[in-house]
Each structure stands twice: as structure tokens, then as C-alpha cells.
Full PDB file with SEQRES, HELIX, SHEET, SSBOND, CRYST1, ORIGX, SCALE, CONECT and MASTER records, all heavy atoms in Angstrom:
SEQRES   1 A   42  CYS GLY GLU TYR PHE GLU GLN ILE GLU TYR ARG GLU THR          
SEQRES   2 A   42  TYR ARG ASP PRO GLN ARG ASP GLY ALA GLY ARG LYS ARG          
SEQRES   3 A   42  LEU LEU LEU SER VAL ARG LEU ARG SER GLN HIS GLU THR          
SEQRES   4 A   42  MET THR GLY                                                  
HELIX    1 AA1 GLY A    2  TYR A    4  5                                   3    
HELIX    2 AA2 PRO A   17  ASP A   20  1                                   4    
SHEET    1 AA1 2 PHE A   5  TYR A  14  0                                        
SHEET    2 AA1 2 ARG A  26  LEU A  33 -1                                        
CRYST1    1.000    1.000    1.000  90.00  90.00  90.00 P 1           1          
ORIGX1      1.000000  0.000000  0.000000        0.00000                         
ORIGX2      0.000000  1.000000  0.000000        0.00000                         
ORIGX3      0.000000  0.000000  1.000000        0.00000                         
SCALE1      1.000000  0.000000  0.000000        0.00000                         
SCALE2      0.000000  1.000000  0.000000        0.00000                         
SCALE3      0.000000  0.000000  1.000000        0.00000                         
ATOM      1  N   CYS A   1     108.506 139.798 -27.029  1.00  0.00           N  
ATOM      2  CA  CYS A   1     107.963 139.778 -25.664  1.00  0.00           C  
ATOM      3  C   CYS A   1     107.030 140.944 -25.396  1.00  0.00           C  
ATOM      4  O   CYS A   1     106.173 140.863 -24.507  1.00  0.00           O  
ATOM      5  CB  CYS A   1     109.103 139.813 -24.644  1.00  0.00           C  
ATOM      6  SG  CYS A   1     110.097 138.323 -24.607  1.00  0.00           S  
ATOM      7  N   GLY A   2     107.215 142.025 -26.120  1.00  0.00           N  
ATOM      8  CA  GLY A   2     106.366 143.193 -25.906  1.00  0.00           C  
ATOM      9  C   GLY A   2     106.456 143.702 -24.479  1.00  0.00           C  
ATOM     10  O   GLY A   2     107.527 143.748 -23.885  1.00  0.00           O  
ATOM     11  N   GLU A   3     105.309 144.042 -23.918  1.00  0.00           N  
ATOM     12  CA  GLU A   3     105.250 144.626 -22.578  1.00  0.00           C  
ATOM     13  C   GLU A   3     105.668 143.648 -21.479  1.00  0.00           C  
ATOM     14  O   GLU A   3     105.926 144.061 -20.355  1.00  0.00           O  
ATOM     15  CB  GLU A   3     103.841 145.129 -22.290  1.00  0.00           C  
ATOM     16  CG  GLU A   3     102.825 143.999 -22.163  1.00  0.00           C  
ATOM     17  CD  GLU A   3     101.428 144.487 -21.827  1.00  0.00           C  
ATOM     18  OE1 GLU A   3     101.199 144.909 -20.681  1.00  0.00           O  
ATOM     19  OE2 GLU A   3     100.581 144.434 -22.741  1.00  0.00           O  
ATOM     20  N   TYR A   4     105.751 142.363 -21.792  1.00  0.00           N  
ATOM     21  CA  TYR A   4     106.096 141.367 -20.777  1.00  0.00           C  
ATOM     22  C   TYR A   4     107.605 141.141 -20.633  1.00  0.00           C  
ATOM     23  O   TYR A   4     108.041 140.412 -19.763  1.00  0.00           O  
ATOM     24  CB  TYR A   4     105.420 140.030 -21.087  1.00  0.00           C  
ATOM     25  CG  TYR A   4     103.918 140.126 -21.064  1.00  0.00           C  
ATOM     26  CD1 TYR A   4     103.177 139.942 -22.214  1.00  0.00           C  
ATOM     27  CD2 TYR A   4     103.239 140.412 -19.882  1.00  0.00           C  
ATOM     28  CE1 TYR A   4     101.789 140.032 -22.193  1.00  0.00           C  
ATOM     29  CE2 TYR A   4     101.858 140.508 -19.851  1.00  0.00           C  
ATOM     30  CZ  TYR A   4     101.141 140.312 -21.014  1.00  0.00           C  
ATOM     31  OH  TYR A   4      99.777 140.409 -20.996  1.00  0.00           O  
ATOM     32  N   PHE A   5     108.387 141.781 -21.496  1.00  0.00           N  
ATOM     33  CA  PHE A   5     109.832 141.591 -21.427  1.00  0.00           C  
ATOM     34  C   PHE A   5     110.405 142.166 -20.131  1.00  0.00           C  
ATOM     35  O   PHE A   5     110.112 143.287 -19.752  1.00  0.00           O  
ATOM     36  CB  PHE A   5     110.538 142.274 -22.611  1.00  0.00           C  
ATOM     37  CG  PHE A   5     112.026 142.174 -22.520  1.00  0.00           C  
ATOM     38  CD1 PHE A   5     112.673 141.009 -22.883  1.00  0.00           C  
ATOM     39  CD2 PHE A   5     112.777 143.226 -22.035  1.00  0.00           C  
ATOM     40  CE1 PHE A   5     114.046 140.904 -22.767  1.00  0.00           C  
ATOM     41  CE2 PHE A   5     114.157 143.131 -21.915  1.00  0.00           C  
ATOM     42  CZ  PHE A   5     114.790 141.958 -22.289  1.00  0.00           C  
ATOM     43  N   GLU A   6     111.231 141.346 -19.464  1.00  0.00           N  
ATOM     44  CA  GLU A   6     111.972 141.850 -18.312  1.00  0.00           C  
ATOM     45  C   GLU A   6     113.473 141.693 -18.511  1.00  0.00           C  
ATOM     46  O   GLU A   6     114.228 142.613 -18.239  1.00  0.00           O  
ATOM     47  CB  GLU A   6     111.555 141.154 -17.020  1.00  0.00           C  
ATOM     48  CG  GLU A   6     112.294 141.736 -15.812  1.00  0.00           C  
ATOM     49  CD  GLU A   6     111.749 141.239 -14.499  1.00  0.00           C  
ATOM     50  OE1 GLU A   6     110.691 141.741 -14.088  1.00  0.00           O  
ATOM     51  OE2 GLU A   6     112.379 140.355 -13.898  1.00  0.00           O  
ATOM     52  N   GLN A   7     113.913 140.526 -18.994  1.00  0.00           N  
ATOM     53  CA  GLN A   7     115.344 140.314 -19.132  1.00  0.00           C  
ATOM     54  C   GLN A   7     115.612 139.193 -20.127  1.00  0.00           C  
ATOM     55  O   GLN A   7     114.844 138.240 -20.228  1.00  0.00           O  
ATOM     56  CB  GLN A   7     115.948 139.927 -17.782  1.00  0.00           C  
ATOM     57  CG  GLN A   7     117.435 139.694 -17.814  1.00  0.00           C  
ATOM     58  CD  GLN A   7     117.984 139.296 -16.454  1.00  0.00           C  
ATOM     59  OE1 GLN A   7     117.219 139.043 -15.512  1.00  0.00           O  
ATOM     60  NE2 GLN A   7     119.277 139.233 -16.330  1.00  0.00           N  
ATOM     61  N   ILE A   8     116.714 139.330 -20.838  1.00  0.00           N  
ATOM     62  CA  ILE A   8     117.213 138.234 -21.672  1.00  0.00           C  
ATOM     63  C   ILE A   8     118.665 138.025 -21.277  1.00  0.00           C  
ATOM     64  O   ILE A   8     119.401 138.982 -21.016  1.00  0.00           O  
ATOM     65  CB  ILE A   8     117.060 138.525 -23.176  1.00  0.00           C  
ATOM     66  CG1 ILE A   8     117.443 137.297 -23.997  1.00  0.00           C  
ATOM     67  CG2 ILE A   8     117.865 139.737 -23.587  1.00  0.00           C  
ATOM     68  CD1 ILE A   8     117.092 137.390 -25.465  1.00  0.00           C  
ATOM     69  N   GLU A   9     119.053 136.761 -21.210  1.00  0.00           N  
ATOM     70  CA  GLU A   9     120.414 136.442 -20.818  1.00  0.00           C  
ATOM     71  C   GLU A   9     121.001 135.409 -21.771  1.00  0.00           C  
ATOM     72  O   GLU A   9     120.404 134.354 -22.007  1.00  0.00           O  
ATOM     73  CB  GLU A   9     120.430 135.891 -19.389  1.00  0.00           C  
ATOM     74  CG  GLU A   9     121.806 135.658 -18.845  1.00  0.00           C  
ATOM     75  CD  GLU A   9     121.777 135.249 -17.378  1.00  0.00           C  
ATOM     76  OE1 GLU A   9     120.744 135.435 -16.704  1.00  0.00           O  
ATOM     77  OE2 GLU A   9     122.795 134.717 -16.928  1.00  0.00           O  
ATOM     78  N   TYR A  10     122.155 135.743 -22.326  1.00  0.00           N  
ATOM     79  CA  TYR A  10     122.896 134.811 -23.164  1.00  0.00           C  
ATOM     80  C   TYR A  10     123.470 133.717 -22.274  1.00  0.00           C  
ATOM     81  O   TYR A  10     124.033 133.991 -21.217  1.00  0.00           O  
ATOM     82  CB  TYR A  10     124.018 135.569 -23.882  1.00  0.00           C  
ATOM     83  CG  TYR A  10     125.023 134.662 -24.547  1.00  0.00           C  
ATOM     84  CD1 TYR A  10     124.763 134.130 -25.797  1.00  0.00           C  
ATOM     85  CD2 TYR A  10     126.224 134.353 -23.925  1.00  0.00           C  
ATOM     86  CE1 TYR A  10     125.677 133.293 -26.417  1.00  0.00           C  
ATOM     87  CE2 TYR A  10     127.154 133.526 -24.541  1.00  0.00           C  
ATOM     88  CZ  TYR A  10     126.872 133.005 -25.778  1.00  0.00           C  
ATOM     89  OH  TYR A  10     127.780 132.178 -26.379  1.00  0.00           O  
ATOM     90  N   ARG A  11     123.315 132.473 -22.679  1.00  0.00           N  
ATOM     91  CA  ARG A  11     123.846 131.345 -21.908  1.00  0.00           C  
ATOM     92  C   ARG A  11     125.086 130.751 -22.571  1.00  0.00           C  
ATOM     93  O   ARG A  11     126.111 130.614 -21.941  1.00  0.00           O  
ATOM     94  CB  ARG A  11     122.794 130.252 -21.728  1.00  0.00           C  
ATOM     95  CG  ARG A  11     121.623 130.651 -20.886  1.00  0.00           C  
ATOM     96  CD  ARG A  11     122.067 130.831 -19.468  1.00  0.00           C  
ATOM     97  NE  ARG A  11     120.905 131.144 -18.637  1.00  0.00           N  
ATOM     98  CZ  ARG A  11     120.989 131.415 -17.380  1.00  0.00           C  
ATOM     99  NH1 ARG A  11     122.146 131.428 -16.780  1.00  0.00           N  
ATOM    100  NH2 ARG A  11     119.904 131.701 -16.701  1.00  0.00           N  
ATOM    101  N   GLU A  12     124.961 130.335 -23.837  1.00  0.00           N  
ATOM    102  CA  GLU A  12     126.126 129.769 -24.511  1.00  0.00           C  
ATOM    103  C   GLU A  12     125.866 129.593 -25.996  1.00  0.00           C  
ATOM    104  O   GLU A  12     124.727 129.595 -26.448  1.00  0.00           O  
ATOM    105  CB  GLU A  12     126.534 128.432 -23.902  1.00  0.00           C  
ATOM    106  CG  GLU A  12     125.587 127.294 -24.196  1.00  0.00           C  
ATOM    107  CD  GLU A  12     126.090 125.945 -23.661  1.00  0.00           C  
ATOM    108  OE1 GLU A  12     127.309 125.678 -23.742  1.00  0.00           O  
ATOM    109  OE2 GLU A  12     125.264 125.183 -23.170  1.00  0.00           O  
ATOM    110  N   THR A  13     126.961 129.434 -26.717  1.00  0.00           N  
ATOM    111  CA  THR A  13     126.933 129.038 -28.120  1.00  0.00           C  
ATOM    112  C   THR A  13     127.574 127.660 -28.194  1.00  0.00           C  
ATOM    113  O   THR A  13     128.625 127.426 -27.590  1.00  0.00           O  
ATOM    114  CB  THR A  13     127.721 130.028 -28.994  1.00  0.00           C  
ATOM    115  OG1 THR A  13     127.134 131.323 -28.870  1.00  0.00           O  
ATOM    116  CG2 THR A  13     127.701 129.599 -30.453  1.00  0.00           C  
ATOM    117  N   TYR A  14     126.936 126.764 -28.928  1.00  0.00           N  
ATOM    118  CA  TYR A  14     127.417 125.387 -29.024  1.00  0.00           C  
ATOM    119  C   TYR A  14     127.422 124.989 -30.492  1.00  0.00           C  
ATOM    120  O   TYR A  14     126.467 125.276 -31.220  1.00  0.00           O  
ATOM    121  CB  TYR A  14     126.487 124.468 -28.226  1.00  0.00           C  
ATOM    122  CG  TYR A  14     126.828 123.015 -28.300  1.00  0.00           C  
ATOM    123  CD1 TYR A  14     127.872 122.486 -27.545  1.00  0.00           C  
ATOM    124  CD2 TYR A  14     126.113 122.157 -29.122  1.00  0.00           C  
ATOM    125  CE1 TYR A  14     128.194 121.134 -27.609  1.00  0.00           C  
ATOM    126  CE2 TYR A  14     126.419 120.811 -29.193  1.00  0.00           C  
ATOM    127  CZ  TYR A  14     127.462 120.310 -28.432  1.00  0.00           C  
ATOM    128  OH  TYR A  14     127.774 118.984 -28.494  1.00  0.00           O  
ATOM    129  N   ARG A  15     128.498 124.361 -30.906  1.00  0.00           N  
ATOM    130  CA  ARG A  15     128.600 123.896 -32.290  1.00  0.00           C  
ATOM    131  C   ARG A  15     128.850 122.389 -32.309  1.00  0.00           C  
ATOM    132  O   ARG A  15     129.746 121.900 -31.624  1.00  0.00           O  
ATOM    133  CB  ARG A  15     129.731 124.634 -32.996  1.00  0.00           C  
ATOM    134  CG  ARG A  15     129.427 126.097 -33.226  1.00  0.00           C  
ATOM    135  CD  ARG A  15     130.655 126.839 -33.749  1.00  0.00           C  
ATOM    136  NE  ARG A  15     130.346 128.247 -33.990  1.00  0.00           N  
ATOM    137  CZ  ARG A  15     130.423 129.188 -33.070  1.00  0.00           C  
ATOM    138  NH1 ARG A  15     130.778 128.894 -31.833  1.00  0.00           N  
ATOM    139  NH2 ARG A  15     130.136 130.441 -33.369  1.00  0.00           N  
ATOM    140  N   ASP A  16     128.062 121.694 -33.110  1.00  0.00           N  
ATOM    141  CA  ASP A  16     128.232 120.259 -33.309  1.00  0.00           C  
ATOM    142  C   ASP A  16     127.838 119.942 -34.753  1.00  0.00           C  
ATOM    143  O   ASP A  16     126.680 119.608 -35.033  1.00  0.00           O  
ATOM    144  CB  ASP A  16     127.372 119.470 -32.325  1.00  0.00           C  
ATOM    145  CG  ASP A  16     127.600 117.971 -32.404  1.00  0.00           C  
ATOM    146  OD1 ASP A  16     128.226 117.488 -33.385  1.00  0.00           O  
ATOM    147  OD2 ASP A  16     127.164 117.260 -31.485  1.00  0.00           O  
ATOM    148  N   PRO A  17     128.792 120.090 -35.679  1.00  0.00           N  
ATOM    149  CA  PRO A  17     128.474 119.899 -37.100  1.00  0.00           C  
ATOM    150  C   PRO A  17     127.902 118.519 -37.423  1.00  0.00           C  
ATOM    151  O   PRO A  17     127.105 118.383 -38.345  1.00  0.00           O  
ATOM    152  CB  PRO A  17     129.813 120.096 -37.807  1.00  0.00           C  
ATOM    153  CG  PRO A  17     130.679 120.814 -36.839  1.00  0.00           C  
ATOM    154  CD  PRO A  17     130.178 120.466 -35.474  1.00  0.00           C  
ATOM    155  N   GLN A  18     128.275 117.507 -36.659  1.00  0.00           N  
ATOM    156  CA  GLN A  18     127.763 116.166 -36.928  1.00  0.00           C  
ATOM    157  C   GLN A  18     126.269 116.056 -36.624  1.00  0.00           C  
ATOM    158  O   GLN A  18     125.541 115.368 -37.315  1.00  0.00           O  
ATOM    159  CB  GLN A  18     128.536 115.125 -36.121  1.00  0.00           C  
ATOM    160  CG  GLN A  18     129.969 114.969 -36.601  1.00  0.00           C  
ATOM    161  CD  GLN A  18     130.738 113.947 -35.798  1.00  0.00           C  
ATOM    162  OE1 GLN A  18     130.385 113.643 -34.665  1.00  0.00           O  
ATOM    163  NE2 GLN A  18     131.790 113.422 -36.389  1.00  0.00           N  
ATOM    164  N   ARG A  19     125.820 116.736 -35.594  1.00  0.00           N  
ATOM    165  CA  ARG A  19     124.396 116.667 -35.216  1.00  0.00           C  
ATOM    166  C   ARG A  19     123.556 117.742 -35.891  1.00  0.00           C  
ATOM    167  O   ARG A  19     122.399 117.499 -36.232  1.00  0.00           O  
ATOM    168  CB  ARG A  19     124.249 116.800 -33.700  1.00  0.00           C  
ATOM    169  CG  ARG A  19     124.790 115.582 -32.967  1.00  0.00           C  
ATOM    170  CD  ARG A  19     124.664 115.729 -31.493  1.00  0.00           C  
ATOM    171  NE  ARG A  19     123.255 115.633 -31.114  1.00  0.00           N  
ATOM    172  CZ  ARG A  19     122.815 115.828 -29.896  1.00  0.00           C  
ATOM    173  NH1 ARG A  19     123.653 116.137 -28.925  1.00  0.00           N  
ATOM    174  NH2 ARG A  19     121.540 115.708 -29.621  1.00  0.00           N  
ATOM    175  N   ASP A  20     124.129 118.930 -36.029  1.00  0.00           N  
ATOM    176  CA  ASP A  20     123.339 120.076 -36.483  1.00  0.00           C  
ATOM    177  C   ASP A  20     123.612 120.478 -37.926  1.00  0.00           C  
ATOM    178  O   ASP A  20     122.862 121.269 -38.491  1.00  0.00           O  
ATOM    179  CB  ASP A  20     123.596 121.278 -35.572  1.00  0.00           C  
ATOM    180  CG  ASP A  20     123.270 120.964 -34.126  1.00  0.00           C  
ATOM    181  OD1 ASP A  20     122.343 120.172 -33.880  1.00  0.00           O  
ATOM    182  OD2 ASP A  20     123.957 121.508 -33.238  1.00  0.00           O  
ATOM    183  N   GLY A  21     124.679 119.980 -38.498  1.00  0.00           N  
ATOM    184  CA  GLY A  21     125.041 120.330 -39.860  1.00  0.00           C  
ATOM    185  C   GLY A  21     126.141 121.377 -39.893  1.00  0.00           C  
ATOM    186  O   GLY A  21     126.307 122.163 -38.962  1.00  0.00           O  
ATOM    187  N   ALA A  22     126.874 121.366 -40.973  1.00  0.00           N  
ATOM    188  CA  ALA A  22     127.954 122.333 -41.142  1.00  0.00           C  
ATOM    189  C   ALA A  22     127.376 123.743 -41.241  1.00  0.00           C  
ATOM    190  O   ALA A  22     126.303 123.950 -41.810  1.00  0.00           O  
ATOM    191  CB  ALA A  22     128.753 121.999 -42.397  1.00  0.00           C  
ATOM    192  N   GLY A  23     128.080 124.682 -40.656  1.00  0.00           N  
ATOM    193  CA  GLY A  23     127.642 126.072 -40.734  1.00  0.00           C  
ATOM    194  C   GLY A  23     126.463 126.401 -39.841  1.00  0.00           C  
ATOM    195  O   GLY A  23     125.800 127.417 -40.031  1.00  0.00           O  
ATOM    196  N   ARG A  24     126.188 125.551 -38.855  1.00  0.00           N  
ATOM    197  CA  ARG A  24     125.075 125.766 -37.929  1.00  0.00           C  
ATOM    198  C   ARG A  24     125.622 125.846 -36.506  1.00  0.00           C  
ATOM    199  O   ARG A  24     126.686 125.310 -36.201  1.00  0.00           O  
ATOM    200  CB  ARG A  24     124.060 124.631 -38.014  1.00  0.00           C  
ATOM    201  CG  ARG A  24     123.529 124.337 -39.409  1.00  0.00           C  
ATOM    202  CD  ARG A  24     122.422 125.215 -39.846  1.00  0.00           C  
ATOM    203  NE  ARG A  24     121.188 124.806 -39.176  1.00  0.00           N  
ATOM    204  CZ  ARG A  24     120.092 125.537 -39.163  1.00  0.00           C  
ATOM    205  NH1 ARG A  24     120.054 126.694 -39.753  1.00  0.00           N  
ATOM    206  NH2 ARG A  24     119.025 125.113 -38.540  1.00  0.00           N  
ATOM    207  N   LYS A  25     124.888 126.513 -35.645  1.00  0.00           N  
ATOM    208  CA  LYS A  25     125.260 126.610 -34.231  1.00  0.00           C  
ATOM    209  C   LYS A  25     123.997 126.692 -33.403  1.00  0.00           C  
ATOM    210  O   LYS A  25     122.913 126.965 -33.914  1.00  0.00           O  
ATOM    211  CB  LYS A  25     126.138 127.843 -33.974  1.00  0.00           C  
ATOM    212  CG  LYS A  25     125.429 129.175 -34.249  1.00  0.00           C  
ATOM    213  CD  LYS A  25     126.374 130.340 -34.077  1.00  0.00           C  
ATOM    214  CE  LYS A  25     125.701 131.646 -34.474  1.00  0.00           C  
ATOM    215  NZ  LYS A  25     126.643 132.764 -34.450  1.00  0.00           N  
ATOM    216  N   ARG A  26     124.156 126.439 -32.121  1.00  0.00           N  
ATOM    217  CA  ARG A  26     123.048 126.566 -31.176  1.00  0.00           C  
ATOM    218  C   ARG A  26     123.296 127.788 -30.305  1.00  0.00           C  
ATOM    219  O   ARG A  26     124.409 128.006 -29.833  1.00  0.00           O  
ATOM    220  CB  ARG A  26     122.963 125.333 -30.284  1.00  0.00           C  
ATOM    221  CG  ARG A  26     122.719 124.057 -31.039  1.00  0.00           C  
ATOM    222  CD  ARG A  26     122.705 122.893 -30.097  1.00  0.00           C  
ATOM    223  NE  ARG A  26     122.806 121.642 -30.842  1.00  0.00           N  
ATOM    224  CZ  ARG A  26     122.564 120.462 -30.322  1.00  0.00           C  
ATOM    225  NH1 ARG A  26     122.202 120.357 -29.052  1.00  0.00           N  
ATOM    226  NH2 ARG A  26     122.681 119.375 -31.043  1.00  0.00           N  
ATOM    227  N   LEU A  27     122.266 128.559 -30.096  1.00  0.00           N  
ATOM    228  CA  LEU A  27     122.317 129.694 -29.177  1.00  0.00           C  
ATOM    229  C   LEU A  27     121.320 129.428 -28.062  1.00  0.00           C  
ATOM    230  O   LEU A  27     120.115 129.308 -28.309  1.00  0.00           O  
ATOM    231  CB  LEU A  27     121.979 131.006 -29.892  1.00  0.00           C  
ATOM    232  CG  LEU A  27     123.003 131.499 -30.911  1.00  0.00           C  
ATOM    233  CD1 LEU A  27     122.485 132.726 -31.647  1.00  0.00           C  
ATOM    234  CD2 LEU A  27     124.322 131.824 -30.226  1.00  0.00           C  
ATOM    235  N   LEU A  28     121.837 129.304 -26.857  1.00  0.00           N  
ATOM    236  CA  LEU A  28     121.005 129.061 -25.683  1.00  0.00           C  
ATOM    237  C   LEU A  28     120.821 130.370 -24.940  1.00  0.00           C  
ATOM    238  O   LEU A  28     121.789 131.092 -24.681  1.00  0.00           O  
ATOM    239  CB  LEU A  28     121.653 128.021 -24.776  1.00  0.00           C  
ATOM    240  CG  LEU A  28     120.933 127.722 -23.461  1.00  0.00           C  
ATOM    241  CD1 LEU A  28     119.544 127.159 -23.705  1.00  0.00           C  
ATOM    242  CD2 LEU A  28     121.763 126.765 -22.622  1.00  0.00           C  
ATOM    243  N   LEU A  29     119.577 130.680 -24.602  1.00  0.00           N  
ATOM    244  CA  LEU A  29     119.265 131.915 -23.894  1.00  0.00           C  
ATOM    245  C   LEU A  29     118.187 131.672 -22.863  1.00  0.00           C  
ATOM    246  O   LEU A  29     117.450 130.690 -22.934  1.00  0.00           O  
ATOM    247  CB  LEU A  29     118.819 133.001 -24.885  1.00  0.00           C  
ATOM    248  CG  LEU A  29     117.545 132.715 -25.694  1.00  0.00           C  
ATOM    249  CD1 LEU A  29     116.336 133.347 -25.015  1.00  0.00           C  
ATOM    250  CD2 LEU A  29     117.692 133.243 -27.101  1.00  0.00           C  
ATOM    251  N   SER A  30     118.120 132.582 -21.920  1.00  0.00           N  
ATOM    252  CA  SER A  30     117.026 132.597 -20.943  1.00  0.00           C  
ATOM    253  C   SER A  30     116.309 133.932 -21.095  1.00  0.00           C  
ATOM    254  O   SER A  30     116.950 134.976 -21.214  1.00  0.00           O  
ATOM    255  CB  SER A  30     117.551 132.470 -19.515  1.00  0.00           C  
ATOM    256  OG  SER A  30     118.126 131.212 -19.321  1.00  0.00           O  
ATOM    257  N   VAL A  31     114.997 133.867 -21.087  1.00  0.00           N  
ATOM    258  CA  VAL A  31     114.207 135.096 -21.153  1.00  0.00           C  
ATOM    259  C   VAL A  31     113.239 135.097 -19.972  1.00  0.00           C  
ATOM    260  O   VAL A  31     112.622 134.085 -19.656  1.00  0.00           O  
ATOM    261  CB  VAL A  31     113.463 135.234 -22.509  1.00  0.00           C  
ATOM    262  CG1 VAL A  31     112.476 134.109 -22.738  1.00  0.00           C  
ATOM    263  CG2 VAL A  31     112.773 136.581 -22.622  1.00  0.00           C  
ATOM    264  N   ARG A  32     113.175 136.244 -19.303  1.00  0.00           N  
ATOM    265  CA  ARG A  32     112.278 136.384 -18.150  1.00  0.00           C  
ATOM    266  C   ARG A  32     111.163 137.341 -18.520  1.00  0.00           C  
ATOM    267  O   ARG A  32     111.401 138.447 -18.988  1.00  0.00           O  
ATOM    268  CB  ARG A  32     113.031 136.880 -16.923  1.00  0.00           C  
ATOM    269  CG  ARG A  32     112.127 136.905 -15.695  1.00  0.00           C  
ATOM    270  CD  ARG A  32     112.861 137.065 -14.392  1.00  0.00           C  
ATOM    271  NE  ARG A  32     113.752 138.202 -14.402  1.00  0.00           N  
ATOM    272  CZ  ARG A  32     114.975 138.192 -13.871  1.00  0.00           C  
ATOM    273  NH1 ARG A  32     115.462 137.109 -13.309  1.00  0.00           N  
ATOM    274  NH2 ARG A  32     115.714 139.271 -13.912  1.00  0.00           N  
ATOM    275  N   LEU A  33     109.942 136.893 -18.282  1.00  0.00           N  
ATOM    276  CA  LEU A  33     108.730 137.652 -18.558  1.00  0.00           C  
ATOM    277  C   LEU A  33     108.078 138.056 -17.248  1.00  0.00           C  
ATOM    278  O   LEU A  33     108.107 137.302 -16.278  1.00  0.00           O  
ATOM    279  CB  LEU A  33     107.741 136.805 -19.357  1.00  0.00           C  
ATOM    280  CG  LEU A  33     108.271 136.101 -20.607  1.00  0.00           C  
ATOM    281  CD1 LEU A  33     107.209 135.169 -21.164  1.00  0.00           C  
ATOM    282  CD2 LEU A  33     108.731 137.105 -21.633  1.00  0.00           C  
ATOM    283  N   ARG A  34     107.475 139.230 -17.248  1.00  0.00           N  
ATOM    284  CA  ARG A  34     106.740 139.675 -16.061  1.00  0.00           C  
ATOM    285  C   ARG A  34     105.757 140.771 -16.481  1.00  0.00           C  
ATOM    286  O   ARG A  34     106.086 141.644 -17.262  1.00  0.00           O  
ATOM    287  CB  ARG A  34     107.698 140.231 -15.004  1.00  0.00           C  
ATOM    288  CG  ARG A  34     107.007 140.555 -13.685  1.00  0.00           C  
ATOM    289  CD  ARG A  34     107.935 141.237 -12.690  1.00  0.00           C  
ATOM    290  NE  ARG A  34     109.220 140.628 -12.519  1.00  0.00           N  
ATOM    291  CZ  ARG A  34     109.580 139.898 -11.470  1.00  0.00           C  
ATOM    292  NH1 ARG A  34     108.737 139.678 -10.500  1.00  0.00           N  
ATOM    293  NH2 ARG A  34     110.802 139.401 -11.389  1.00  0.00           N  
ATOM    294  N   SER A  35     104.598 140.712 -15.931  1.00  0.00           N  
ATOM    295  CA  SER A  35     103.619 141.779 -16.128  1.00  0.00           C  
ATOM    296  C   SER A  35     103.778 142.811 -15.028  1.00  0.00           C  
ATOM    297  O   SER A  35     104.011 142.459 -13.867  1.00  0.00           O  
ATOM    298  CB  SER A  35     102.199 141.216 -16.100  1.00  0.00           C  
ATOM    299  OG  SER A  35     101.255 142.272 -16.136  1.00  0.00           O  
ATOM    300  N   GLN A  36     103.635 144.055 -15.388  1.00  0.00           N  
ATOM    301  CA  GLN A  36     103.679 145.133 -14.405  1.00  0.00           C  
ATOM    302  C   GLN A  36     102.311 145.389 -13.774  1.00  0.00           C  
ATOM    303  O   GLN A  36     102.202 146.153 -12.817  1.00  0.00           O  
ATOM    304  CB  GLN A  36     104.176 146.419 -15.065  1.00  0.00           C  
ATOM    305  CG  GLN A  36     105.586 146.309 -15.619  1.00  0.00           C  
ATOM    306  CD  GLN A  36     106.595 145.990 -14.538  1.00  0.00           C  
ATOM    307  OE1 GLN A  36     106.631 146.621 -13.489  1.00  0.00           O  
ATOM    308  NE2 GLN A  36     107.418 144.978 -14.787  1.00  0.00           N  
ATOM    309  N   HIS A  37     101.270 144.720 -14.315  1.00  0.00           N  
ATOM    310  CA  HIS A  37      99.898 145.035 -13.919  1.00  0.00           C  
ATOM    311  C   HIS A  37      99.131 143.884 -13.272  1.00  0.00           C  
ATOM    312  O   HIS A  37      98.111 144.115 -12.625  1.00  0.00           O  
ATOM    313  CB  HIS A  37      99.115 145.521 -15.131  1.00  0.00           C  
ATOM    314  CG  HIS A  37      99.835 146.571 -15.905  1.00  0.00           C  
ATOM    315  ND1 HIS A  37     100.017 147.852 -15.442  1.00  0.00           N  
ATOM    316  CD2 HIS A  37     100.451 146.522 -17.102  1.00  0.00           C  
ATOM    317  CE1 HIS A  37     100.699 148.546 -16.319  1.00  0.00           C  
ATOM    318  NE2 HIS A  37     100.978 147.774 -17.338  1.00  0.00           N  
ATOM    319  N   GLU A  38      99.610 142.649 -13.476  1.00  0.00           N  
ATOM    320  CA  GLU A  38      98.870 141.490 -12.976  1.00  0.00           C  
ATOM    321  C   GLU A  38      99.784 140.266 -12.989  1.00  0.00           C  
ATOM    322  O   GLU A  38     100.841 140.278 -13.606  1.00  0.00           O  
ATOM    323  CB  GLU A  38      97.648 141.214 -13.843  1.00  0.00           C  
ATOM    324  CG  GLU A  38      98.016 140.861 -15.284  1.00  0.00           C  
ATOM    325  CD  GLU A  38      96.831 140.753 -16.203  1.00  0.00           C  
ATOM    326  OE1 GLU A  38      95.694 140.879 -15.747  1.00  0.00           O  
ATOM    327  OE2 GLU A  38      97.043 140.528 -17.403  1.00  0.00           O  
ATOM    328  N   THR A  39      99.348 139.228 -12.354  1.00  0.00           N  
ATOM    329  CA  THR A  39     100.061 137.955 -12.449  1.00  0.00           C  
ATOM    330  C   THR A  39      99.783 137.362 -13.820  1.00  0.00           C  
ATOM    331  O   THR A  39      98.619 137.233 -14.221  1.00  0.00           O  
ATOM    332  CB  THR A  39      99.595 136.987 -11.350  1.00  0.00           C  
ATOM    333  OG1 THR A  39      99.887 137.565 -10.068  1.00  0.00           O  
ATOM    334  CG2 THR A  39     100.277 135.639 -11.470  1.00  0.00           C  
ATOM    335  N   MET A  40     100.850 137.027 -14.544  1.00  0.00           N  
ATOM    336  CA  MET A  40     100.669 136.423 -15.867  1.00  0.00           C  
ATOM    337  C   MET A  40     100.088 135.026 -15.717  1.00  0.00           C  
ATOM    338  O   MET A  40     100.480 134.276 -14.820  1.00  0.00           O  
ATOM    339  CB  MET A  40     102.014 136.304 -16.592  1.00  0.00           C  
ATOM    340  CG  MET A  40     102.570 137.594 -17.102  1.00  0.00           C  
ATOM    341  SD  MET A  40     104.101 137.307 -18.060  1.00  0.00           S  
ATOM    342  CE  MET A  40     103.415 136.649 -19.577  1.00  0.00           C  
ATOM    343  N   THR A  41      99.199 134.683 -16.589  1.00  0.00           N  
ATOM    344  CA  THR A  41      98.680 133.321 -16.620  1.00  0.00           C  
ATOM    345  C   THR A  41      99.631 132.452 -17.450  1.00  0.00           C  
ATOM    346  O   THR A  41     100.442 132.967 -18.241  1.00  0.00           O  
ATOM    347  CB  THR A  41      97.277 133.263 -17.242  1.00  0.00           C  
ATOM    348  OG1 THR A  41      97.380 133.624 -18.634  1.00  0.00           O  
ATOM    349  CG2 THR A  41      96.302 134.183 -16.527  1.00  0.00           C  
ATOM    350  N   GLY A  42      99.513 131.166 -17.275  1.00  0.00           N  
ATOM    351  CA  GLY A  42     100.296 130.254 -18.087  1.00  0.00           C  
ATOM    352  C   GLY A  42      99.998 130.422 -19.562  1.00  0.00           C  
ATOM    353  O   GLY A  42     100.899 130.347 -20.402  1.00  0.00           O  
TER     354      GLY A  42                                                      
MASTER        0    0    0    2    2    0    0    6  353    1    0    4          
END                                                                             
């Protein structure tokens, strides 16, 4: 994220070996970006 990093939040860990394969997991997170100098463009 560099200079645009504001926050990261852990949401959940999910395991489904049938869909994702054995030994795999999903990590869901939210990341918030913000510029200190201007409105970020899309």
C-alpha cells in the first residue's frame, strides 16, 4: 500500500478442502487506503 495505507483488518479464516484443496485456506481481510495529500482517484 505504501503511503496510501491506513488500516488492515483481519476478517476470517475459512477452510473448505473440497473446494480449495487439502492444505489450503482462505484469508479474508479489509484494507483501507487514504491519501494524506489529495483525494485518491479510482
